[in-house]
Amino acid sequence: MRNKEVIDLSDGRRLGFVCDVEVDIRNGRIIAIVVPGRKGFAGIFGKTEDCVIPWCNICKIGDDIIIVNNKPHNLSDG
């Protein structure tokens, strides 16, 4: 999983590369992937929070890329 680029299907944005995973130790399952937050302008303004993407938002895992859908789901969407 590490070093795979994460792309958001909802807007085509490149979110970054997987740096970590969250695991449910009791069930032995991955519950989320983590993409590091972006650094501010020239590293001066700090870094944004890491992006934690729930496993249920992952659409496809390829050789080099993970496609996710981070668009919030509305009940009215069906």
N, C-alpha and C. Protein backbone atom coordinates (compact mmCIF):
# COMPACT_ATOMS: atom_id res chain seq x y z
N MET A 1 0.82 -1.20 0.00
CA MET A 1 0.00 0.00 0.00
C MET A 1 0.87 1.26 0.00
N ARG A 2 1.99 1.20 0.68
CA ARG A 2 2.83 2.38 0.73
C ARG A 2 3.30 2.77 -0.66
N ASN A 3 3.48 4.05 -0.84
CA ASN A 3 3.97 4.63 -2.08
C ASN A 3 3.01 4.49 -3.25
N LYS A 4 1.75 4.16 -2.98
CA LYS A 4 0.73 4.19 -4.04
C LYS A 4 0.09 5.57 -4.01
N GLU A 5 -0.08 6.16 -5.19
CA GLU A 5 -0.71 7.47 -5.27
C GLU A 5 -2.22 7.34 -5.10
N VAL A 6 -2.82 8.29 -4.40
CA VAL A 6 -4.25 8.27 -4.13
C VAL A 6 -4.92 9.37 -4.94
N ILE A 7 -5.92 8.99 -5.75
CA ILE A 7 -6.67 9.92 -6.60
C ILE A 7 -8.12 9.91 -6.15
N ASP A 8 -8.71 11.12 -6.00
CA ASP A 8 -10.12 11.23 -5.61
C ASP A 8 -10.98 11.22 -6.86
N LEU A 9 -11.83 10.22 -6.98
CA LEU A 9 -12.71 10.05 -8.13
C LEU A 9 -13.71 11.19 -8.27
N SER A 10 -14.13 11.78 -7.15
CA SER A 10 -15.17 12.80 -7.20
C SER A 10 -14.73 14.08 -7.91
N ASP A 11 -13.43 14.41 -7.85
CA ASP A 11 -12.97 15.64 -8.50
C ASP A 11 -11.64 15.49 -9.26
N GLY A 12 -11.09 14.27 -9.29
CA GLY A 12 -9.86 14.01 -10.04
C GLY A 12 -8.60 14.51 -9.36
N ARG A 13 -8.72 14.98 -8.13
CA ARG A 13 -7.58 15.54 -7.41
C ARG A 13 -6.61 14.46 -6.97
N ARG A 14 -5.33 14.77 -7.06
CA ARG A 14 -4.28 13.90 -6.52
C ARG A 14 -4.11 14.24 -5.05
N LEU A 15 -4.39 13.29 -4.19
CA LEU A 15 -4.34 13.55 -2.76
C LEU A 15 -2.96 13.34 -2.17
N GLY A 16 -2.15 12.54 -2.83
CA GLY A 16 -0.80 12.25 -2.34
C GLY A 16 -0.56 10.76 -2.35
N PHE A 17 0.41 10.34 -1.56
CA PHE A 17 0.80 8.94 -1.50
C PHE A 17 0.50 8.36 -0.12
N VAL A 18 0.08 7.12 -0.09
CA VAL A 18 -0.23 6.45 1.18
C VAL A 18 1.03 6.43 2.05
N CYS A 19 0.88 6.88 3.30
CA CYS A 19 2.02 6.86 4.22
C CYS A 19 1.78 5.90 5.38
N ASP A 20 0.51 5.53 5.61
CA ASP A 20 0.21 4.68 6.75
C ASP A 20 -1.18 4.06 6.56
N VAL A 21 -1.50 3.09 7.37
CA VAL A 21 -2.84 2.49 7.39
C VAL A 21 -3.30 2.39 8.84
N GLU A 22 -4.61 2.42 9.03
CA GLU A 22 -5.18 2.17 10.35
C GLU A 22 -5.76 0.77 10.32
N VAL A 23 -5.44 -0.02 11.34
CA VAL A 23 -5.82 -1.43 11.36
C VAL A 23 -6.67 -1.71 12.60
N ASP A 24 -7.73 -2.48 12.41
CA ASP A 24 -8.52 -3.00 13.51
C ASP A 24 -7.84 -4.29 13.94
N ILE A 25 -7.12 -4.23 15.03
CA ILE A 25 -6.31 -5.37 15.47
C ILE A 25 -7.18 -6.56 15.85
N ARG A 26 -8.33 -6.31 16.43
CA ARG A 26 -9.21 -7.42 16.84
C ARG A 26 -9.66 -8.27 15.66
N ASN A 27 -10.00 -7.60 14.53
CA ASN A 27 -10.51 -8.31 13.37
C ASN A 27 -9.45 -8.52 12.29
N GLY A 28 -8.28 -7.89 12.45
CA GLY A 28 -7.22 -8.03 11.47
C GLY A 28 -7.57 -7.41 10.13
N ARG A 29 -8.29 -6.27 10.17
CA ARG A 29 -8.71 -5.62 8.93
C ARG A 29 -8.20 -4.18 8.87
N ILE A 30 -7.92 -3.74 7.65
CA ILE A 30 -7.57 -2.34 7.45
C ILE A 30 -8.86 -1.53 7.49
N ILE A 31 -8.89 -0.47 8.29
CA ILE A 31 -10.09 0.35 8.38
C ILE A 31 -9.94 1.68 7.67
N ALA A 32 -8.68 2.10 7.39
CA ALA A 32 -8.47 3.36 6.68
C ALA A 32 -7.04 3.43 6.17
N ILE A 33 -6.85 4.25 5.14
CA ILE A 33 -5.50 4.58 4.68
C ILE A 33 -5.25 6.03 5.04
N VAL A 34 -3.98 6.39 5.18
CA VAL A 34 -3.61 7.74 5.57
C VAL A 34 -2.69 8.34 4.52
N VAL A 35 -3.04 9.56 4.09
CA VAL A 35 -2.23 10.33 3.15
C VAL A 35 -1.74 11.55 3.92
N PRO A 36 -0.44 11.85 3.88
CA PRO A 36 0.06 12.99 4.65
C PRO A 36 -0.53 14.31 4.16
N GLY A 37 -0.71 15.25 5.10
CA GLY A 37 -1.20 16.58 4.75
C GLY A 37 -0.17 17.32 3.92
N ARG A 38 -0.65 18.26 3.14
CA ARG A 38 0.25 19.05 2.29
C ARG A 38 0.99 20.08 3.13
N LYS A 39 2.22 20.36 2.72
CA LYS A 39 3.00 21.39 3.38
C LYS A 39 2.59 22.76 2.86
N GLY A 40 2.67 23.74 3.73
CA GLY A 40 2.32 25.11 3.35
C GLY A 40 3.33 25.71 2.39
N PHE A 41 3.08 26.92 1.99
CA PHE A 41 3.92 27.65 1.04
C PHE A 41 5.36 27.68 1.52
N ALA A 42 6.26 27.10 0.76
CA ALA A 42 7.69 27.06 1.05
C ALA A 42 7.99 26.50 2.44
N GLY A 43 7.06 25.72 2.98
CA GLY A 43 7.26 25.13 4.29
C GLY A 43 7.09 26.11 5.44
N ILE A 44 6.69 27.35 5.13
CA ILE A 44 6.59 28.40 6.15
C ILE A 44 5.31 28.27 6.96
N PHE A 45 4.21 27.98 6.33
CA PHE A 45 2.92 28.00 6.99
C PHE A 45 2.52 26.65 7.59
N GLY A 46 3.48 25.78 7.75
CA GLY A 46 3.19 24.49 8.36
C GLY A 46 2.55 23.51 7.41
N LYS A 47 1.89 22.55 7.98
CA LYS A 47 1.34 21.44 7.20
C LYS A 47 -0.11 21.24 7.61
N THR A 48 -0.93 20.86 6.63
CA THR A 48 -2.33 20.56 6.95
C THR A 48 -2.41 19.17 7.59
N GLU A 49 -3.53 18.87 8.18
CA GLU A 49 -3.70 17.56 8.82
C GLU A 49 -3.67 16.44 7.80
N ASP A 50 -3.27 15.27 8.27
CA ASP A 50 -3.26 14.09 7.41
C ASP A 50 -4.69 13.78 6.98
N CYS A 51 -4.81 13.21 5.79
CA CYS A 51 -6.11 12.84 5.25
C CYS A 51 -6.33 11.35 5.53
N VAL A 52 -7.31 11.04 6.37
CA VAL A 52 -7.63 9.66 6.71
C VAL A 52 -8.83 9.24 5.87
N ILE A 53 -8.63 8.24 5.02
CA ILE A 53 -9.67 7.81 4.09
C ILE A 53 -10.19 6.44 4.52
N PRO A 54 -11.47 6.38 4.91
CA PRO A 54 -12.04 5.09 5.35
C PRO A 54 -11.98 4.04 4.23
N TRP A 55 -11.79 2.80 4.62
CA TRP A 55 -11.69 1.69 3.67
C TRP A 55 -12.91 1.64 2.74
N CYS A 56 -14.09 1.96 3.26
CA CYS A 56 -15.30 1.90 2.44
C CYS A 56 -15.31 2.94 1.32
N ASN A 57 -14.43 3.94 1.38
CA ASN A 57 -14.34 4.96 0.33
C ASN A 57 -13.38 4.57 -0.79
N ILE A 58 -12.69 3.44 -0.64
CA ILE A 58 -11.76 2.99 -1.67
C ILE A 58 -12.54 2.28 -2.76
N CYS A 59 -12.37 2.76 -4.00
CA CYS A 59 -13.08 2.18 -5.14
C CYS A 59 -12.26 1.09 -5.83
N LYS A 60 -10.97 1.34 -5.99
CA LYS A 60 -10.12 0.42 -6.75
C LYS A 60 -8.68 0.58 -6.30
N ILE A 61 -7.98 -0.55 -6.17
CA ILE A 61 -6.55 -0.53 -5.87
C ILE A 61 -5.83 -1.14 -7.05
N GLY A 62 -5.00 -0.33 -7.70
CA GLY A 62 -4.22 -0.79 -8.84
C GLY A 62 -2.77 -1.01 -8.45
N ASP A 63 -1.93 -1.26 -9.44
CA ASP A 63 -0.51 -1.49 -9.18
C ASP A 63 0.17 -0.26 -8.59
N ASP A 64 -0.20 0.94 -9.09
CA ASP A 64 0.46 2.17 -8.67
C ASP A 64 -0.48 3.19 -8.05
N ILE A 65 -1.78 3.02 -8.25
CA ILE A 65 -2.75 4.05 -7.86
C ILE A 65 -3.90 3.44 -7.07
N ILE A 66 -4.40 4.23 -6.12
CA ILE A 66 -5.61 3.87 -5.39
C ILE A 66 -6.66 4.93 -5.71
N ILE A 67 -7.81 4.50 -6.22
CA ILE A 67 -8.91 5.42 -6.55
C ILE A 67 -9.87 5.42 -5.36
N VAL A 68 -10.16 6.62 -4.86
CA VAL A 68 -11.09 6.75 -3.73
C VAL A 68 -12.21 7.71 -4.11
N ASN A 69 -13.31 7.63 -3.38
CA ASN A 69 -14.41 8.57 -3.57
C ASN A 69 -14.66 9.24 -2.22
N ASN A 70 -14.12 10.45 -2.07
CA ASN A 70 -14.25 11.18 -0.81
C ASN A 70 -15.44 12.11 -0.80
N LYS A 71 -16.27 12.06 -1.86
CA LYS A 71 -17.44 12.93 -1.91
C LYS A 71 -18.42 12.50 -0.83
N PRO A 72 -18.88 13.46 0.00
CA PRO A 72 -19.87 13.08 1.02
C PRO A 72 -21.13 12.53 0.39
N HIS A 73 -21.70 11.51 0.99
CA HIS A 73 -22.91 10.91 0.48
C HIS A 73 -24.12 11.62 1.08
N ASN A 74 -25.06 12.03 0.23
CA ASN A 74 -26.30 12.63 0.69
C ASN A 74 -27.40 11.59 0.62
N LEU A 75 -28.26 11.59 1.60
CA LEU A 75 -29.36 10.64 1.60
C LEU A 75 -30.28 10.87 0.41
N SER A 76 -30.36 12.11 -0.09
CA SER A 76 -31.24 12.41 -1.21
C SER A 76 -30.69 11.93 -2.53
N ASP A 77 -29.38 11.54 -2.58
CA ASP A 77 -28.76 11.07 -3.82
C ASP A 77 -29.21 9.68 -4.21
N GLY A 78 -29.82 8.97 -3.32
CA GLY A 78 -30.32 7.64 -3.65
C GLY A 78 -29.44 6.61 -3.19
